[in-house]
Amino acid sequence: MFVMELTYTAPVEAVEEEMDAHIAWLDGYYAAGIFLASGRKVPRDGGVILAGGISRAEVEKIASEDPFTVAGVCAYRITEFLATKTSSDLATVRENPAV
């Protein structure tokens, strides 16, 4: 699973100009079952997306296609982790690594 942390690199007004395209991009990956949760950071200097079921290369490609990235208004920090314990709602993305 991946934590995709966005940090705005432009004023919020510039981010807002890309928001409709960003939301459409998010919706596509929710529909594909890749994005599990997302939202704004507090304070509002970026956002966070939880993604699962894909490789590191795939998540990096997805981040590069975000309209925020294309417009140059954010930078991504991607952290991979093993979701070995989850709520029952996320049981399908729970990972059991070989020890």
N, C-alpha and C. Protein backbone atom coordinates (compact mmCIF):
# COMPACT_ATOMS: atom_id res chain seq x y z
N MET A 1 0.85 -1.16 0.00
CA MET A 1 0.00 0.00 0.00
C MET A 1 0.90 1.23 0.00
N PHE A 2 0.36 2.34 -0.46
CA PHE A 2 1.13 3.56 -0.57
C PHE A 2 0.41 4.74 0.05
N VAL A 3 1.19 5.59 0.71
CA VAL A 3 0.73 6.90 1.12
C VAL A 3 1.32 7.88 0.11
N MET A 4 0.43 8.55 -0.60
CA MET A 4 0.84 9.54 -1.59
C MET A 4 0.60 10.92 -0.97
N GLU A 5 1.68 11.56 -0.54
CA GLU A 5 1.54 12.86 0.11
C GLU A 5 1.85 13.97 -0.89
N LEU A 6 0.88 14.85 -1.09
CA LEU A 6 1.04 15.99 -1.99
C LEU A 6 1.39 17.21 -1.16
N THR A 7 2.34 17.99 -1.64
CA THR A 7 2.65 19.28 -1.04
C THR A 7 2.50 20.32 -2.13
N TYR A 8 1.70 21.34 -1.86
CA TYR A 8 1.51 22.39 -2.85
C TYR A 8 2.80 23.17 -3.04
N THR A 9 3.12 23.45 -4.28
CA THR A 9 4.31 24.22 -4.64
C THR A 9 3.93 25.55 -5.26
N ALA A 10 2.64 25.86 -5.21
CA ALA A 10 2.11 27.10 -5.77
C ALA A 10 1.03 27.60 -4.82
N PRO A 11 0.63 28.86 -4.94
CA PRO A 11 -0.44 29.37 -4.09
C PRO A 11 -1.74 28.56 -4.27
N VAL A 12 -2.54 28.52 -3.21
CA VAL A 12 -3.80 27.75 -3.23
C VAL A 12 -4.69 28.20 -4.39
N GLU A 13 -4.63 29.45 -4.77
CA GLU A 13 -5.44 29.93 -5.90
C GLU A 13 -5.08 29.19 -7.19
N ALA A 14 -3.82 28.92 -7.40
CA ALA A 14 -3.38 28.17 -8.58
C ALA A 14 -3.82 26.72 -8.48
N VAL A 15 -3.78 26.16 -7.28
CA VAL A 15 -4.25 24.79 -7.05
C VAL A 15 -5.74 24.70 -7.38
N GLU A 16 -6.51 25.66 -6.91
CA GLU A 16 -7.97 25.68 -7.15
C GLU A 16 -8.30 25.68 -8.63
N GLU A 17 -7.46 26.31 -9.46
CA GLU A 17 -7.71 26.34 -10.89
C GLU A 17 -7.66 24.95 -11.51
N GLU A 18 -6.95 24.02 -10.89
CA GLU A 18 -6.80 22.65 -11.39
C GLU A 18 -7.70 21.65 -10.65
N MET A 19 -8.50 22.13 -9.69
CA MET A 19 -9.24 21.23 -8.80
C MET A 19 -10.23 20.33 -9.54
N ASP A 20 -11.00 20.86 -10.48
CA ASP A 20 -11.98 20.03 -11.20
C ASP A 20 -11.28 18.87 -11.93
N ALA A 21 -10.18 19.17 -12.58
CA ALA A 21 -9.43 18.12 -13.30
C ALA A 21 -8.84 17.12 -12.30
N HIS A 22 -8.35 17.60 -11.17
CA HIS A 22 -7.78 16.72 -10.14
C HIS A 22 -8.86 15.78 -9.59
N ILE A 23 -10.04 16.31 -9.33
CA ILE A 23 -11.14 15.49 -8.81
C ILE A 23 -11.55 14.43 -9.83
N ALA A 24 -11.61 14.79 -11.09
CA ALA A 24 -11.93 13.80 -12.14
C ALA A 24 -10.87 12.71 -12.18
N TRP A 25 -9.61 13.09 -12.04
CA TRP A 25 -8.49 12.13 -11.99
C TRP A 25 -8.65 11.20 -10.80
N LEU A 26 -8.94 11.77 -9.62
CA LEU A 26 -9.19 10.96 -8.42
C LEU A 26 -10.32 9.97 -8.67
N ASP A 27 -11.44 10.46 -9.20
CA ASP A 27 -12.62 9.62 -9.43
C ASP A 27 -12.30 8.40 -10.28
N GLY A 28 -11.46 8.58 -11.29
CA GLY A 28 -11.09 7.46 -12.15
C GLY A 28 -10.36 6.37 -11.39
N TYR A 29 -9.47 6.75 -10.49
CA TYR A 29 -8.71 5.75 -9.72
C TYR A 29 -9.54 5.16 -8.58
N TYR A 30 -10.51 5.90 -8.07
CA TYR A 30 -11.46 5.30 -7.13
C TYR A 30 -12.29 4.24 -7.85
N ALA A 31 -12.76 4.57 -9.04
CA ALA A 31 -13.57 3.62 -9.82
C ALA A 31 -12.79 2.36 -10.16
N ALA A 32 -11.47 2.50 -10.35
CA ALA A 32 -10.62 1.36 -10.67
C ALA A 32 -10.26 0.55 -9.43
N GLY A 33 -10.63 1.03 -8.24
CA GLY A 33 -10.33 0.32 -7.00
C GLY A 33 -8.93 0.53 -6.48
N ILE A 34 -8.21 1.51 -7.01
CA ILE A 34 -6.82 1.76 -6.61
C ILE A 34 -6.75 2.74 -5.44
N PHE A 35 -7.52 3.81 -5.49
CA PHE A 35 -7.52 4.78 -4.39
C PHE A 35 -8.52 4.34 -3.34
N LEU A 36 -8.09 4.41 -2.07
CA LEU A 36 -8.90 3.95 -0.95
C LEU A 36 -9.42 5.10 -0.09
N ALA A 37 -8.68 6.18 -0.02
CA ALA A 37 -9.06 7.36 0.75
C ALA A 37 -8.21 8.52 0.29
N SER A 38 -8.74 9.74 0.43
CA SER A 38 -7.97 10.93 0.07
C SER A 38 -8.57 12.13 0.75
N GLY A 39 -7.78 13.19 0.84
CA GLY A 39 -8.28 14.43 1.40
C GLY A 39 -7.18 15.45 1.59
N ARG A 40 -7.61 16.64 2.01
CA ARG A 40 -6.69 17.76 2.23
C ARG A 40 -5.96 17.60 3.55
N LYS A 41 -4.73 18.08 3.59
CA LYS A 41 -3.99 18.16 4.85
C LYS A 41 -4.47 19.38 5.62
N VAL A 42 -4.29 19.34 6.93
CA VAL A 42 -4.61 20.47 7.79
C VAL A 42 -3.33 20.85 8.51
N PRO A 43 -2.80 22.06 8.30
CA PRO A 43 -3.34 23.13 7.47
C PRO A 43 -3.29 22.77 5.98
N ARG A 44 -4.01 23.51 5.18
CA ARG A 44 -4.17 23.19 3.76
C ARG A 44 -2.93 23.57 2.96
N ASP A 45 -1.94 22.69 3.03
CA ASP A 45 -0.73 22.89 2.23
C ASP A 45 -0.47 21.70 1.32
N GLY A 46 -1.50 20.87 1.13
CA GLY A 46 -1.38 19.70 0.27
C GLY A 46 -2.48 18.71 0.59
N GLY A 47 -2.22 17.44 0.29
CA GLY A 47 -3.21 16.41 0.52
C GLY A 47 -2.55 15.06 0.68
N VAL A 48 -3.39 14.05 0.93
CA VAL A 48 -2.92 12.68 1.12
C VAL A 48 -3.87 11.75 0.38
N ILE A 49 -3.30 10.74 -0.27
CA ILE A 49 -4.07 9.69 -0.94
C ILE A 49 -3.52 8.35 -0.45
N LEU A 50 -4.41 7.43 -0.10
CA LEU A 50 -4.02 6.04 0.16
C LEU A 50 -4.35 5.23 -1.07
N ALA A 51 -3.37 4.47 -1.55
CA ALA A 51 -3.54 3.67 -2.77
C ALA A 51 -3.06 2.25 -2.52
N GLY A 52 -3.70 1.29 -3.16
CA GLY A 52 -3.30 -0.10 -2.96
C GLY A 52 -3.50 -0.94 -4.20
N GLY A 53 -2.87 -2.11 -4.18
CA GLY A 53 -3.05 -3.07 -5.26
C GLY A 53 -2.23 -2.80 -6.51
N ILE A 54 -1.21 -1.96 -6.37
CA ILE A 54 -0.38 -1.60 -7.52
C ILE A 54 1.09 -1.62 -7.11
N SER A 55 1.97 -1.54 -8.09
CA SER A 55 3.41 -1.52 -7.83
C SER A 55 3.89 -0.09 -7.62
N ARG A 56 5.12 0.03 -7.15
CA ARG A 56 5.75 1.35 -6.97
C ARG A 56 5.82 2.09 -8.30
N ALA A 57 6.20 1.39 -9.36
CA ALA A 57 6.29 2.04 -10.68
C ALA A 57 4.92 2.57 -11.11
N GLU A 58 3.88 1.78 -10.85
CA GLU A 58 2.53 2.22 -11.24
C GLU A 58 2.09 3.44 -10.44
N VAL A 59 2.35 3.45 -9.13
CA VAL A 59 1.92 4.59 -8.31
C VAL A 59 2.69 5.85 -8.71
N GLU A 60 3.95 5.70 -9.07
CA GLU A 60 4.72 6.86 -9.53
C GLU A 60 4.19 7.39 -10.85
N LYS A 61 3.78 6.49 -11.75
CA LYS A 61 3.19 6.92 -13.02
C LYS A 61 1.87 7.64 -12.78
N ILE A 62 1.05 7.08 -11.89
CA ILE A 62 -0.24 7.70 -11.56
C ILE A 62 -0.01 9.11 -11.01
N ALA A 63 0.95 9.27 -10.09
CA ALA A 63 1.24 10.59 -9.52
C ALA A 63 1.70 11.57 -10.60
N SER A 64 2.46 11.08 -11.56
CA SER A 64 2.96 11.97 -12.61
C SER A 64 1.85 12.46 -13.53
N GLU A 65 0.74 11.73 -13.56
CA GLU A 65 -0.39 12.10 -14.42
C GLU A 65 -1.44 12.96 -13.71
N ASP A 66 -1.27 13.18 -12.42
CA ASP A 66 -2.20 14.04 -11.68
C ASP A 66 -2.19 15.43 -12.33
N PRO A 67 -3.35 16.00 -12.62
CA PRO A 67 -3.37 17.35 -13.18
C PRO A 67 -2.63 18.38 -12.32
N PHE A 68 -2.57 18.17 -11.00
CA PHE A 68 -1.78 19.06 -10.16
C PHE A 68 -0.30 18.96 -10.52
N THR A 69 0.19 17.74 -10.76
CA THR A 69 1.59 17.55 -11.14
C THR A 69 1.85 18.16 -12.51
N VAL A 70 0.97 17.87 -13.46
CA VAL A 70 1.13 18.37 -14.83
C VAL A 70 1.17 19.90 -14.84
N ALA A 71 0.34 20.53 -14.00
CA ALA A 71 0.29 22.00 -13.93
C ALA A 71 1.43 22.57 -13.09
N GLY A 72 2.18 21.71 -12.41
CA GLY A 72 3.30 22.18 -11.61
C GLY A 72 2.90 22.85 -10.30
N VAL A 73 1.76 22.45 -9.73
CA VAL A 73 1.31 23.08 -8.48
C VAL A 73 1.50 22.19 -7.26
N CYS A 74 2.06 21.00 -7.45
CA CYS A 74 2.32 20.13 -6.29
C CYS A 74 3.51 19.24 -6.57
N ALA A 75 4.05 18.70 -5.48
CA ALA A 75 5.10 17.68 -5.55
C ALA A 75 4.62 16.51 -4.70
N TYR A 76 4.98 15.30 -5.10
CA TYR A 76 4.58 14.10 -4.39
C TYR A 76 5.72 13.51 -3.58
N ARG A 77 5.39 12.99 -2.43
CA ARG A 77 6.27 12.11 -1.64
C ARG A 77 5.49 10.82 -1.48
N ILE A 78 6.05 9.72 -1.96
CA ILE A 78 5.35 8.44 -1.95
C ILE A 78 6.05 7.51 -0.96
N THR A 79 5.27 6.99 -0.02
CA THR A 79 5.78 6.07 0.99
C THR A 79 5.05 4.75 0.86
N GLU A 80 5.81 3.69 0.70
CA GLU A 80 5.21 2.34 0.64
C GLU A 80 5.23 1.74 2.04
N PHE A 81 4.16 1.04 2.39
CA PHE A 81 4.12 0.33 3.66
C PHE A 81 3.30 -0.94 3.50
N LEU A 82 3.51 -1.88 4.40
CA LEU A 82 2.74 -3.13 4.41
C LEU A 82 1.58 -2.97 5.37
N ALA A 83 0.38 -3.00 4.85
CA ALA A 83 -0.83 -2.87 5.67
C ALA A 83 -1.17 -4.24 6.25
N THR A 84 -0.47 -4.61 7.31
CA THR A 84 -0.66 -5.93 7.91
C THR A 84 -1.85 -5.99 8.85
N LYS A 85 -2.35 -4.85 9.26
CA LYS A 85 -3.54 -4.78 10.10
C LYS A 85 -4.42 -3.66 9.55
N THR A 86 -5.69 -3.96 9.34
CA THR A 86 -6.63 -2.98 8.79
C THR A 86 -7.98 -3.14 9.47
N SER A 87 -8.85 -2.18 9.24
CA SER A 87 -10.25 -2.34 9.64
C SER A 87 -10.86 -3.42 8.75
N SER A 88 -11.99 -3.94 9.15
CA SER A 88 -12.65 -4.96 8.33
C SER A 88 -13.04 -4.39 6.96
N ASP A 89 -13.29 -3.10 6.89
CA ASP A 89 -13.64 -2.47 5.62
C ASP A 89 -12.49 -2.51 4.62
N LEU A 90 -11.27 -2.60 5.11
CA LEU A 90 -10.09 -2.64 4.23
C LEU A 90 -9.44 -4.01 4.19
N ALA A 91 -10.15 -5.04 4.60
CA ALA A 91 -9.58 -6.38 4.64
C ALA A 91 -9.06 -6.84 3.29
N THR A 92 -9.65 -6.38 2.21
CA THR A 92 -9.23 -6.83 0.88
C THR A 92 -7.84 -6.31 0.50
N VAL A 93 -7.35 -5.27 1.18
CA VAL A 93 -6.02 -4.74 0.87
C VAL A 93 -5.00 -5.09 1.95
N ARG A 94 -5.40 -5.88 2.92
CA ARG A 94 -4.49 -6.30 3.99
C ARG A 94 -3.39 -7.16 3.39
N GLU A 95 -2.17 -6.96 3.88
CA GLU A 95 -1.01 -7.66 3.34
C GLU A 95 -0.40 -8.57 4.41
N ASN A 96 -0.02 -9.75 4.01
CA ASN A 96 0.62 -10.71 4.91
C ASN A 96 1.98 -11.06 4.34
N PRO A 97 2.99 -10.28 4.70
CA PRO A 97 4.32 -10.53 4.14
C PRO A 97 4.92 -11.83 4.68
N ALA A 98 5.75 -12.43 3.88
CA ALA A 98 6.50 -13.60 4.33
C ALA A 98 7.54 -13.11 5.33
N VAL A 99 7.65 -13.81 6.43
CA VAL A 99 8.57 -13.38 7.48
C VAL A 99 9.88 -14.10 7.38
